[in-house]
PDB file of N, CA and C in Angstrom:
ATOM      1  N   UNK A   1       7.227  20.571 -11.161  1.00  0.00           N
ATOM      2  CA  UNK A   1       6.465  19.980 -11.950  1.00  0.00           C
ATOM      3  C   UNK A   1       6.187  18.447 -11.636  1.00  0.00           C
ATOM      4  N   UNK A   2       5.028  18.021 -12.055  1.00  0.00           N
ATOM      5  CA  UNK A   2       4.562  16.656 -11.708  1.00  0.00           C
ATOM      6  C   UNK A   2       5.364  15.634 -12.774  1.00  0.00           C
ATOM      7  N   UNK A   3       5.346  14.649 -12.267  1.00  0.00           N
ATOM      8  CA  UNK A   3       5.790  13.334 -13.153  1.00  0.00           C
ATOM      9  C   UNK A   3       4.805  12.871 -14.037  1.00  0.00           C
ATOM     10  N   UNK A   4       4.500  13.608 -15.184  1.00  0.00           N
ATOM     11  CA  UNK A   4       3.301  13.318 -15.882  1.00  0.00           C
ATOM     12  C   UNK A   4       3.501  13.483 -17.380  1.00  0.00           C
ATOM     13  N   UNK A   5       3.135  12.198 -18.133  1.00  0.00           N
ATOM     14  CA  UNK A   5       3.721  12.304 -19.602  1.00  0.00           C
ATOM     15  C   UNK A   5       2.554  13.000 -20.498  1.00  0.00           C
ATOM     16  N   UNK A   6       2.996  13.989 -21.535  1.00  0.00           N
ATOM     17  CA  UNK A   6       2.075  14.570 -22.022  1.00  0.00           C
ATOM     18  C   UNK A   6       1.305  13.680 -23.208  1.00  0.00           C
ATOM     19  N   UNK A   7       1.937  12.804 -23.763  1.00  0.00           N
ATOM     20  CA  UNK A   7       1.435  12.021 -24.821  1.00  0.00           C
ATOM     21  C   UNK A   7       0.524  10.677 -24.166  1.00  0.00           C
ATOM     22  N   UNK A   8       1.008  10.019 -23.316  1.00  0.00           N
ATOM     23  CA  UNK A   8       0.365   8.868 -23.070  1.00  0.00           C
ATOM     24  C   UNK A   8      -0.531   8.908 -21.489  1.00  0.00           C
ATOM     25  N   UNK A   9      -0.155  10.052 -20.962  1.00  0.00           N
ATOM     26  CA  UNK A   9      -0.853  10.584 -19.469  1.00  0.00           C
ATOM     27  C   UNK A   9      -0.413   9.635 -18.477  1.00  0.00           C
ATOM     28  N   UNK A  10       0.651   8.866 -18.651  1.00  0.00           N
ATOM     29  CA  UNK A  10       1.439   8.285 -17.512  1.00  0.00           C
ATOM     30  C   UNK A  10       1.736   9.067 -16.212  1.00  0.00           C
ATOM     31  N   UNK A  11       1.425   8.696 -15.162  1.00  0.00           N
ATOM     32  CA  UNK A  11       1.507   9.419 -14.048  1.00  0.00           C
ATOM     33  C   UNK A  11       2.080   8.402 -12.934  1.00  0.00           C
ATOM     34  N   UNK A  12       2.531   9.023 -11.850  1.00  0.00           N
ATOM     35  CA  UNK A  12       3.333   8.004 -10.861  1.00  0.00           C
ATOM     36  C   UNK A  12       2.108   7.131 -10.265  1.00  0.00           C
ATOM     37  N   UNK A  13       2.771   5.806  -9.898  1.00  0.00           N
ATOM     38  CA  UNK A  13       1.797   4.724  -9.494  1.00  0.00           C
ATOM     39  C   UNK A  13       2.009   4.643  -7.759  1.00  0.00           C
ATOM     40  N   UNK A  14       1.154   4.301  -7.057  1.00  0.00           N
ATOM     41  CA  UNK A  14       1.279   4.471  -5.535  1.00  0.00           C
ATOM     42  C   UNK A  14       1.119   3.171  -5.109  1.00  0.00           C
ATOM     43  N   UNK A  15       1.947   2.724  -3.959  1.00  0.00           N
ATOM     44  CA  UNK A  15       1.828   1.545  -3.346  1.00  0.00           C
ATOM     45  C   UNK A  15       2.531   1.614  -1.993  1.00  0.00           C
ATOM     46  N   UNK A  16       2.754   0.329  -1.609  1.00  0.00           N
ATOM     47  CA  UNK A  16       3.414   0.136  -0.196  1.00  0.00           C
ATOM     48  C   UNK A  16       4.846  -0.201  -0.368  1.00  0.00           C
ATOM     49  N   UNK A  17       5.637   0.181   0.324  1.00  0.00           N
ATOM     50  CA  UNK A  17       6.912  -0.365   0.734  1.00  0.00           C
ATOM     51  C   UNK A  17       6.981  -1.360   1.824  1.00  0.00           C
ATOM     52  N   UNK A  18       7.235  -2.519   1.674  1.00  0.00           N
ATOM     53  CA  UNK A  18       7.019  -3.791   2.583  1.00  0.00           C
ATOM     54  C   UNK A  18       8.429  -4.003   3.201  1.00  0.00           C
ATOM     55  N   UNK A  19       8.742  -3.900   4.393  1.00  0.00           N
ATOM     56  CA  UNK A  19       9.996  -4.243   4.968  1.00  0.00           C
ATOM     57  C   UNK A  19      10.129  -5.865   5.347  1.00  0.00           C
ATOM     58  N   UNK A  20      11.350  -6.238   5.686  1.00  0.00           N
ATOM     59  CA  UNK A  20      11.531  -7.490   6.109  1.00  0.00           C
ATOM     60  C   UNK A  20      10.619  -7.927   7.219  1.00  0.00           C
ATOM     61  N   UNK A  21      10.331  -6.919   8.019  1.00  0.00           N
ATOM     62  CA  UNK A  21       9.395  -7.149   9.258  1.00  0.00           C
ATOM     63  C   UNK A  21       7.753  -7.198   8.847  1.00  0.00           C
ATOM     64  N   UNK A  22       7.686  -6.807   7.665  1.00  0.00           N
ATOM     65  CA  UNK A  22       6.241  -6.865   7.090  1.00  0.00           C
ATOM     66  C   UNK A  22       5.618  -5.446   7.505  1.00  0.00           C
ATOM     67  N   UNK A  23       6.433  -4.455   7.673  1.00  0.00           N
ATOM     68  CA  UNK A  23       5.794  -3.192   7.976  1.00  0.00           C
ATOM     69  C   UNK A  23       5.523  -2.374   6.676  1.00  0.00           C
ATOM     70  N   UNK A  24       4.453  -1.621   6.494  1.00  0.00           N
ATOM     71  CA  UNK A  24       4.050  -0.991   5.348  1.00  0.00           C
ATOM     72  C   UNK A  24       4.105   0.465   5.336  1.00  0.00           C
ATOM     73  N   UNK A  25       4.947   1.152   4.476  1.00  0.00           N
ATOM     74  CA  UNK A  25       4.968   2.504   4.458  1.00  0.00           C
ATOM     75  C   UNK A  25       4.472   3.099   2.898  1.00  0.00           C
ATOM     76  N   UNK A  26       3.892   4.067   2.681  1.00  0.00           N
ATOM     77  CA  UNK A  26       3.575   4.592   1.319  1.00  0.00           C
ATOM     78  C   UNK A  26       4.803   4.797   0.528  1.00  0.00           C
ATOM     79  N   UNK A  27       4.679   4.420  -0.742  1.00  0.00           N
ATOM     80  CA  UNK A  27       5.851   4.817  -1.749  1.00  0.00           C
ATOM     81  C   UNK A  27       5.129   5.251  -3.165  1.00  0.00           C
ATOM     82  N   UNK A  28       6.012   5.608  -3.949  1.00  0.00           N
ATOM     83  CA  UNK A  28       5.429   5.991  -5.397  1.00  0.00           C
ATOM     84  C   UNK A  28       6.561   5.483  -6.332  1.00  0.00           C
ATOM     85  N   UNK A  29       6.077   5.210  -7.355  1.00  0.00           N
ATOM     86  CA  UNK A  29       6.747   4.629  -8.856  1.00  0.00           C
ATOM     87  C   UNK A  29       6.649   6.014  -9.697  1.00  0.00           C
ATOM     88  N   UNK A  30       7.793   6.704  -9.912  1.00  0.00           N
ATOM     89  CA  UNK A  30       7.717   7.880 -10.851  1.00  0.00           C
ATOM     90  C   UNK A  30       7.822   7.253 -12.361  1.00  0.00           C
ATOM     91  N   UNK A  31       7.263   7.522 -13.549  1.00  0.00           N
ATOM     92  CA  UNK A  31       7.548   7.017 -14.768  1.00  0.00           C
ATOM     93  C   UNK A  31       8.742   7.906 -15.291  1.00  0.00           C
ATOM     94  N   UNK A  32       9.362   7.168 -16.148  1.00  0.00           N
ATOM     95  CA  UNK A  32      10.607   7.544 -16.854  1.00  0.00           C
ATOM     96  C   UNK A  32      10.345   8.799 -17.607  1.00  0.00           C
ATOM     97  N   UNK A  33      10.224  10.127 -17.263  1.00  0.00           N
ATOM     98  CA  UNK A  33       9.911  11.223 -17.869  1.00  0.00           C
ATOM     99  C   UNK A  33      11.040  11.925 -18.397  1.00  0.00           C
ATOM    100  N   UNK A  34      11.139  12.193 -19.852  1.00  0.00           N
ATOM    101  CA  UNK A  34      12.255  12.962 -20.262  1.00  0.00           C
ATOM    102  C   UNK A  34      11.579  14.191 -20.906  1.00  0.00           C
ATOM    103  N   UNK A  35      12.551  15.326 -21.073  1.00  0.00           N
ATOM    104  CA  UNK A  35      12.181  16.317 -21.883  1.00  0.00           C
ATOM    105  C   UNK A  35      12.754  16.196 -23.321  1.00  0.00           C
ATOM    106  N   UNK A  36      11.934  16.101 -24.377  1.00  0.00           N
ATOM    107  CA  UNK A  36      12.446  15.969 -25.634  1.00  0.00           C
ATOM    108  C   UNK A  36      11.961  17.300 -26.517  1.00  0.00           C
ATOM    109  N   UNK A  37      12.773  17.587 -27.404  1.00  0.00           N
ATOM    110  CA  UNK A  37      12.653  18.484 -28.658  1.00  0.00           C
ATOM    111  C   UNK A  37      12.483  17.835 -29.750  1.00  0.00           C
ATOM    112  N   UNK A  38      11.191  18.002 -30.384  1.00  0.00           N
ATOM    113  CA  UNK A  38      10.596  17.614 -31.679  1.00  0.00           C
ATOM    114  C   UNK A  38      10.627  18.740 -32.631  1.00  0.00           C
ATOM    115  N   UNK A  39      10.950  18.425 -33.888  1.00  0.00           N
ATOM    116  CA  UNK A  39      10.792  19.451 -35.102  1.00  0.00           C
ATOM    117  C   UNK A  39       9.278  19.172 -35.656  1.00  0.00           C
ATOM    118  N   UNK A  40       8.583  20.291 -35.889  1.00  0.00           N
ATOM    119  CA  UNK A  40       7.428  20.094 -36.706  1.00  0.00           C
ATOM    120  C   UNK A  40       7.579  20.707 -37.944  1.00  0.00           C
ATOM    121  N   UNK A  41       7.551  19.792 -38.821  1.00  0.00           N
ATOM    122  CA  UNK A  41       7.964  20.260 -40.391  1.00  0.00           C
ATOM    123  C   UNK A  41       6.774  21.029 -40.848  1.00  0.00           C
ATOM    124  N   UNK A  42       5.471  20.851 -40.468  1.00  0.00           N
ATOM    125  CA  UNK A  42       4.419  21.703 -41.081  1.00  0.00           C
ATOM    126  C   UNK A  42       4.317  23.150 -40.699  1.00  0.00           C
ATOM    127  N   UNK A  43       4.986  23.429 -39.152  1.00  0.00           N
ATOM    128  CA  UNK A  43       4.930  24.668 -38.688  1.00  0.00           C
ATOM    129  C   UNK A  43       6.347  25.277 -38.720  1.00  0.00           C
ATOM    130  N   UNK A  44       7.302  24.466 -39.004  1.00  0.00           N
ATOM    131  CA  UNK A  44       8.516  24.796 -39.292  1.00  0.00           C
ATOM    132  C   UNK A  44       9.144  25.374 -37.991  1.00  0.00           C
ATOM    133  N   UNK A  45       8.849  24.611 -36.799  1.00  0.00           N
ATOM    134  CA  UNK A  45       9.398  25.071 -35.635  1.00  0.00           C
ATOM    135  C   UNK A  45       9.567  23.877 -34.749  1.00  0.00           C
ATOM    136  N   UNK A  46      10.336  24.024 -33.487  1.00  0.00           N
ATOM    137  CA  UNK A  46      10.688  22.990 -32.593  1.00  0.00           C
ATOM    138  C   UNK A  46       9.572  23.131 -31.332  1.00  0.00           C
ATOM    139  N   UNK A  47       9.201  22.016 -30.873  1.00  0.00           N
ATOM    140  CA  UNK A  47       8.386  21.796 -29.613  1.00  0.00           C
ATOM    141  C   UNK A  47       9.005  21.027 -28.739  1.00  0.00           C
ATOM    142  N   UNK A  48       9.023  21.356 -27.447  1.00  0.00           N
ATOM    143  CA  UNK A  48       9.506  20.611 -26.337  1.00  0.00           C
ATOM    144  C   UNK A  48       8.304  19.884 -25.473  1.00  0.00           C
ATOM    145  N   UNK A  49       8.512  18.614 -25.358  1.00  0.00           N
ATOM    146  CA  UNK A  49       7.313  17.803 -24.727  1.00  0.00           C
ATOM    147  C   UNK A  49       7.940  17.178 -23.604  1.00  0.00           C
ATOM    148  N   UNK A  50       7.231  16.986 -22.666  1.00  0.00           N
ATOM    149  CA  UNK A  50       7.487  16.119 -21.361  1.00  0.00           C
ATOM    150  C   UNK A  50       6.995  14.768 -21.474  1.00  0.00           C
ATOM    151  N   UNK A  51       7.738  13.834 -22.065  1.00  0.00           N
ATOM    152  CA  UNK A  51       7.287  12.442 -22.506  1.00  0.00           C
ATOM    153  C   UNK A  51       7.997  11.395 -21.738  1.00  0.00           C
ATOM    154  N   UNK A  52       7.106  10.083 -21.527  1.00  0.00           N
ATOM    155  CA  UNK A  52       7.725   9.031 -21.001  1.00  0.00           C
ATOM    156  C   UNK A  52       8.626   8.257 -22.295  1.00  0.00           C
ATOM    157  N   UNK A  53       9.376   7.296 -21.696  1.00  0.00           N
ATOM    158  CA  UNK A  53       9.923   6.442 -22.743  1.00  0.00           C
ATOM    159  C   UNK A  53       8.798   5.731 -23.615  1.00  0.00           C
ATOM    160  N   UNK A  54       7.745   5.487 -23.012  1.00  0.00           N
ATOM    161  CA  UNK A  54       6.642   4.885 -23.658  1.00  0.00           C
ATOM    162  C   UNK A  54       6.027   5.747 -24.651  1.00  0.00           C
ATOM    163  N   UNK A  55       5.888   7.074 -24.213  1.00  0.00           N
ATOM    164  CA  UNK A  55       5.483   8.179 -24.973  1.00  0.00           C
ATOM    165  C   UNK A  55       6.399   8.423 -26.467  1.00  0.00           C
ATOM    166  N   UNK A  56       7.586   8.247 -26.176  1.00  0.00           N
ATOM    167  CA  UNK A  56       8.435   8.253 -27.332  1.00  0.00           C
ATOM    168  C   UNK A  56       8.420   7.215 -28.416  1.00  0.00           C
ATOM    169  N   UNK A  57       7.984   5.998 -27.967  1.00  0.00           N
ATOM    170  CA  UNK A  57       7.827   4.889 -28.614  1.00  0.00           C
ATOM    171  C   UNK A  57       6.542   5.274 -29.534  1.00  0.00           C
ATOM    172  N   UNK A  58       5.635   5.799 -28.896  1.00  0.00           N
ATOM    173  CA  UNK A  58       4.221   6.180 -29.586  1.00  0.00           C
ATOM    174  C   UNK A  58       4.662   7.127 -30.624  1.00  0.00           C
ATOM    175  N   UNK A  59       5.415   8.167 -30.435  1.00  0.00           N
ATOM    176  CA  UNK A  59       5.673   9.319 -31.296  1.00  0.00           C
ATOM    177  C   UNK A  59       6.423   8.600 -32.525  1.00  0.00           C
ATOM    178  N   UNK A  60       7.271   7.606 -32.182  1.00  0.00           N
ATOM    179  CA  UNK A  60       7.956   6.868 -33.355  1.00  0.00           C
ATOM    180  C   UNK A  60       7.140   6.195 -34.370  1.00  0.00           C
ATOM    181  N   UNK A  61       6.018   5.400 -33.675  1.00  0.00           N
ATOM    182  CA  UNK A  61       5.104   4.714 -34.327  1.00  0.00           C
ATOM    183  C   UNK A  61       4.098   5.465 -35.074  1.00  0.00           C
ATOM    184  N   UNK A  62       3.525   6.595 -34.357  1.00  0.00           N
ATOM    185  CA  UNK A  62       2.560   7.427 -35.174  1.00  0.00           C
ATOM    186  C   UNK A  62       2.925   8.555 -35.913  1.00  0.00           C
ATOM    187  N   UNK A  63       4.170   9.013 -35.483  1.00  0.00           N
ATOM    188  CA  UNK A  63       4.639  10.375 -36.140  1.00  0.00           C
ATOM    189  C   UNK A  63       4.241  11.597 -35.228  1.00  0.00           C
ATOM    190  N   UNK A  64       5.154  12.520 -35.370  1.00  0.00           N
ATOM    191  CA  UNK A  64       5.014  13.660 -34.388  1.00  0.00           C
ATOM    192  C   UNK A  64       3.780  14.639 -34.743  1.00  0.00           C
ATOM    193  N   UNK A  65       3.595  14.697 -36.073  1.00  0.00           N
ATOM    194  CA  UNK A  65       2.281  15.260 -36.631  1.00  0.00           C
ATOM    195  C   UNK A  65       1.076  14.791 -36.060  1.00  0.00           C
ATOM    196  N   UNK A  66       0.904  13.525 -35.997  1.00  0.00           N
ATOM    197  CA  UNK A  66      -0.299  12.946 -35.653  1.00  0.00           C
ATOM    198  C   UNK A  66      -0.519  13.016 -34.094  1.00  0.00           C
ATOM    199  N   UNK A  67       0.487  12.881 -33.264  1.00  0.00           N
ATOM    200  CA  UNK A  67       0.591  13.189 -32.001  1.00  0.00           C
ATOM    201  C   UNK A  67       0.310  14.504 -31.488  1.00  0.00           C
ATOM    202  N   UNK A  68       0.649  15.520 -32.213  1.00  0.00           N
ATOM    203  CA  UNK A  68       0.564  16.911 -31.832  1.00  0.00           C
ATOM    204  C   UNK A  68      -0.797  17.362 -32.191  1.00  0.00           C
ATOM    205  N   UNK A  69      -1.473  16.692 -33.244  1.00  0.00           N
ATOM    206  CA  UNK A  69      -2.925  16.861 -33.676  1.00  0.00           C
ATOM    207  C   UNK A  69      -3.796  16.334 -32.494  1.00  0.00           C
ATOM    208  N   UNK A  70      -3.447  15.149 -31.904  1.00  0.00           N
ATOM    209  CA  UNK A  70      -4.311  14.521 -30.908  1.00  0.00           C
ATOM    210  C   UNK A  70      -4.044  15.299 -29.802  1.00  0.00           C
ATOM    211  N   UNK A  71      -3.006  15.807 -29.302  1.00  0.00           N
ATOM    212  CA  UNK A  71      -2.835  16.600 -28.029  1.00  0.00           C
ATOM    213  C   UNK A  71      -3.584  17.885 -28.227  1.00  0.00           C
ATOM    214  N   UNK A  72      -3.729  18.572 -29.460  1.00  0.00           N
ATOM    215  CA  UNK A  72      -4.582  19.723 -29.599  1.00  0.00           C
ATOM    216  C   UNK A  72      -5.975  19.562 -29.506  1.00  0.00           C
ATOM    217  N   UNK A  73      -6.300  18.279 -30.023  1.00  0.00           N
ATOM    218  CA  UNK A  73      -7.704  18.014 -29.915  1.00  0.00           C
ATOM    219  C   UNK A  73      -8.388  17.930 -28.495  1.00  0.00           C
ATOM    220  N   UNK A  74      -7.196  17.353 -27.680  1.00  0.00           N
ATOM    221  CA  UNK A  74      -7.725  17.151 -26.436  1.00  0.00           C
ATOM    222  C   UNK A  74      -7.631  18.405 -25.425  1.00  0.00           C
ATOM    223  N   UNK A  75      -6.969  19.587 -26.081  1.00  0.00           N
ATOM    224  CA  UNK A  75      -7.055  20.784 -25.682  1.00  0.00           C
ATOM    225  C   UNK A  75      -5.617  21.190 -24.818  1.00  0.00           C
ATOM    226  N   UNK A  76      -4.685  20.307 -25.041  1.00  0.00           N
ATOM    227  CA  UNK A  76      -3.365  20.809 -24.350  1.00  0.00           C
ATOM    228  C   UNK A  76      -2.816  21.879 -25.306  1.00  0.00           C
ATOM    229  N   UNK A  77      -1.972  22.851 -24.824  1.00  0.00           N
ATOM    230  CA  UNK A  77      -1.250  23.737 -25.639  1.00  0.00           C
ATOM    231  C   UNK A  77      -0.057  23.468 -25.999  1.00  0.00           C
ATOM    232  N   UNK A  78       0.413  23.313 -27.387  1.00  0.00           N
ATOM    233  CA  UNK A  78       1.704  22.714 -27.680  1.00  0.00           C
ATOM    234  C   UNK A  78       2.220  23.870 -28.560  1.00  0.00           C
TER     235      UNK A  78
END
């Protein structure tokens, strides 16, 4: 699975690793992706989301119902 947040859309960043001799090789920065289980009271069931830690803060701020509604409007299966 890719390192991709379902809520915020965060994906790996790419860049160069620069050595002491200034040689450049490609590298990537993965977001901090966690698999979290949330309870949806409106549907009386649990859902599992692959979210970044920033996505967890968004869920805490907006609420799980609003976030799931937004995901469904975007066409994601939840």
